[in-house]
Each structure stands twice: as C-alpha cells, then as structure tokens.
Amino acid sequence: MTAYAVGLLKDINMGPDIVQYLERIDATLAPYRGRFLLHGEKPEVLEGSLEQDVVVIEFPDLDHARAWYRSPAYHDILPLRTRNATSTVFLVDGLPADHLATDILA
C-alpha cells in the first residue's frame, strides 16, 4: 500500500546547505521510487493555523519509505536540512482507494 513521508518545515535558512540538500535529495529518492507530491507549498488553511511549509513524498509502501529515510545516501545530506530548519517528519501508510470514513469504526 502506498506510504508517505511528510515533513512540516519552518524557519528555513535558504543558504548554501539547503541548496545542496535540494540538489542532492532527488538522487536519494530514486532507488526507493519516492516522488514529491507536495514540496514547500503554502497550504490554504481553512481551520486552525499552520505555520510550516508542507512536504509530502510518496513511496510504494512503508518499507520503501523507511529504507529511504534510513539510507546512507539520505543520512549523508540530512544534517544539511536539520541544521537549517525546524522540522517535524513522519511516515504514514496510505489508504486503499475504496476506503470510507466509517471504516475506522470497525
């Protein structure tokens, strides 16, 4: 089942480290079939507040997402981001196409 890496980033210092991170991240995603669905877009907040930029990366499943995040290639560039942004990052499973809201009641 499709899985997602979600990042909520704020206080981003758009200096040389972030530029290098952005130049290198796509190569870390390719072996795990990851692709950006959202990348730094400012959401239109309809309820509550959200001060972060939103990043969503799609993977074929959680195993691919975990393997990417734990990969040496990604860990090599990770400090370029963590030193230059405040982040919350998590992995989450997607849902089947036929999911209904009431399915969580079962």
Protein backbone atom coordinates (compact mmCIF):
# COMPACT_ATOMS: atom_id res chain seq x y z
CA MET A 1 0.00 0.00 0.00
CA THR A 2 1.26 3.47 -0.82
CA ALA A 3 3.03 5.27 2.02
CA TYR A 4 4.08 8.85 2.55
CA ALA A 5 6.93 10.75 4.16
CA VAL A 6 5.51 14.02 5.46
CA GLY A 7 7.61 16.97 6.52
CA LEU A 8 6.44 20.14 8.21
CA LEU A 9 9.23 22.72 7.98
CA LYS A 10 9.60 26.24 9.27
CA ASP A 11 12.35 28.75 9.99
CA ILE A 12 14.17 27.60 6.87
CA ASN A 13 17.54 29.23 6.29
CA MET A 14 17.78 29.20 2.47
CA GLY A 15 21.56 29.25 2.44
CA PRO A 16 24.18 27.02 0.77
CA ASP A 17 23.35 23.95 2.92
CA ILE A 18 19.68 23.92 1.89
CA VAL A 19 20.64 24.50 -1.74
CA GLN A 20 22.97 21.49 -1.55
CA TYR A 21 20.26 19.41 0.17
CA LEU A 22 17.79 20.26 -2.60
CA GLU A 23 20.34 19.48 -5.30
CA ARG A 24 21.01 16.03 -3.81
CA ILE A 25 17.70 14.74 -2.41
CA ASP A 26 16.20 13.53 -5.70
CA ALA A 27 19.07 11.07 -6.14
CA THR A 28 18.37 9.64 -2.67
CA LEU A 29 14.68 9.10 -3.54
CA ALA A 30 15.17 7.36 -6.90
CA PRO A 31 16.29 3.92 -5.62
CA TYR A 32 13.21 3.77 -3.36
CA ARG A 33 10.77 5.02 -6.02
CA GLY A 34 9.98 8.12 -3.99
CA ARG A 35 8.46 11.17 -5.62
CA PHE A 36 7.39 14.56 -4.37
CA LEU A 37 3.65 15.20 -4.21
CA LEU A 38 3.95 18.47 -2.30
CA HIS A 39 7.16 20.39 -1.84
CA GLY A 40 7.19 23.53 0.24
CA GLU A 41 3.79 24.72 -0.85
CA LYS A 42 1.99 27.09 1.49
CA PRO A 43 -1.38 25.48 2.21
CA GLU A 44 -4.64 27.38 2.16
CA VAL A 45 -5.53 26.90 5.82
CA LEU A 46 -9.30 26.63 6.29
CA GLU A 47 -9.37 25.84 10.01
CA GLY A 48 -6.80 26.39 12.74
CA SER A 49 -3.30 27.54 11.89
CA LEU A 50 -0.27 26.09 10.18
CA GLU A 51 2.99 28.00 10.12
CA GLN A 52 5.06 25.34 8.36
CA ASP A 53 5.75 24.54 4.74
CA VAL A 54 4.40 21.12 3.79
CA VAL A 55 6.39 18.41 2.02
CA VAL A 56 4.84 15.06 1.02
CA ILE A 57 6.85 12.32 -0.68
CA GLU A 58 5.07 9.23 -1.99
CA PHE A 59 6.59 5.73 -1.84
CA PRO A 60 5.25 2.35 -2.97
CA ASP A 61 4.95 1.23 0.67
CA LEU A 62 6.28 1.83 4.19
CA ASP A 63 9.25 -0.49 3.63
CA HIS A 64 10.48 1.71 0.76
CA ALA A 65 9.86 4.89 2.79
CA ARG A 66 11.75 3.53 5.82
CA ALA A 67 14.60 2.27 3.67
CA TRP A 68 14.96 5.70 2.03
CA TYR A 69 14.94 7.58 5.33
CA ARG A 70 17.49 5.17 6.85
CA SER A 71 19.69 5.02 3.74
CA PRO A 72 23.32 6.16 3.93
CA ALA A 73 22.71 8.49 0.96
CA TYR A 74 19.91 10.32 2.75
CA HIS A 75 21.69 10.39 6.10
CA ASP A 76 24.64 11.96 4.35
CA ILE A 77 22.53 15.01 3.42
CA LEU A 78 20.10 15.06 6.37
CA PRO A 79 22.24 17.42 8.52
CA LEU A 80 22.11 19.99 5.70
CA ARG A 81 18.38 20.32 6.44
CA THR A 82 18.28 19.74 10.19
CA ARG A 83 20.89 22.44 10.82
CA ASN A 84 18.87 24.92 8.79
CA ALA A 85 15.18 24.31 9.51
CA THR A 86 12.84 23.34 12.31
CA SER A 87 11.14 20.14 11.17
CA THR A 88 8.59 17.51 12.07
CA VAL A 89 8.95 14.48 9.79
CA PHE A 90 6.91 11.28 9.86
CA LEU A 91 5.96 8.27 7.77
CA VAL A 92 2.36 7.19 7.30
CA ASP A 93 0.53 4.47 5.39
CA GLY A 94 -1.89 5.50 2.68
CA LEU A 95 -5.40 4.12 2.33
CA PRO A 96 -6.97 1.81 -0.23
CA ALA A 97 -9.00 3.52 -2.96
CA ASP A 98 -12.24 2.12 -1.55
CA HIS A 99 -11.72 3.49 1.99
CA LEU A 100 -14.76 5.05 3.63
CA ALA A 101 -14.74 7.26 6.73
CA THR A 102 -16.78 4.68 8.60
CA ASP A 103 -14.08 2.03 8.09
CA ILE A 104 -12.31 3.32 11.22
CA LEU A 105 -15.36 2.34 13.30
CA ALA A 106 -14.81 -1.35 12.62
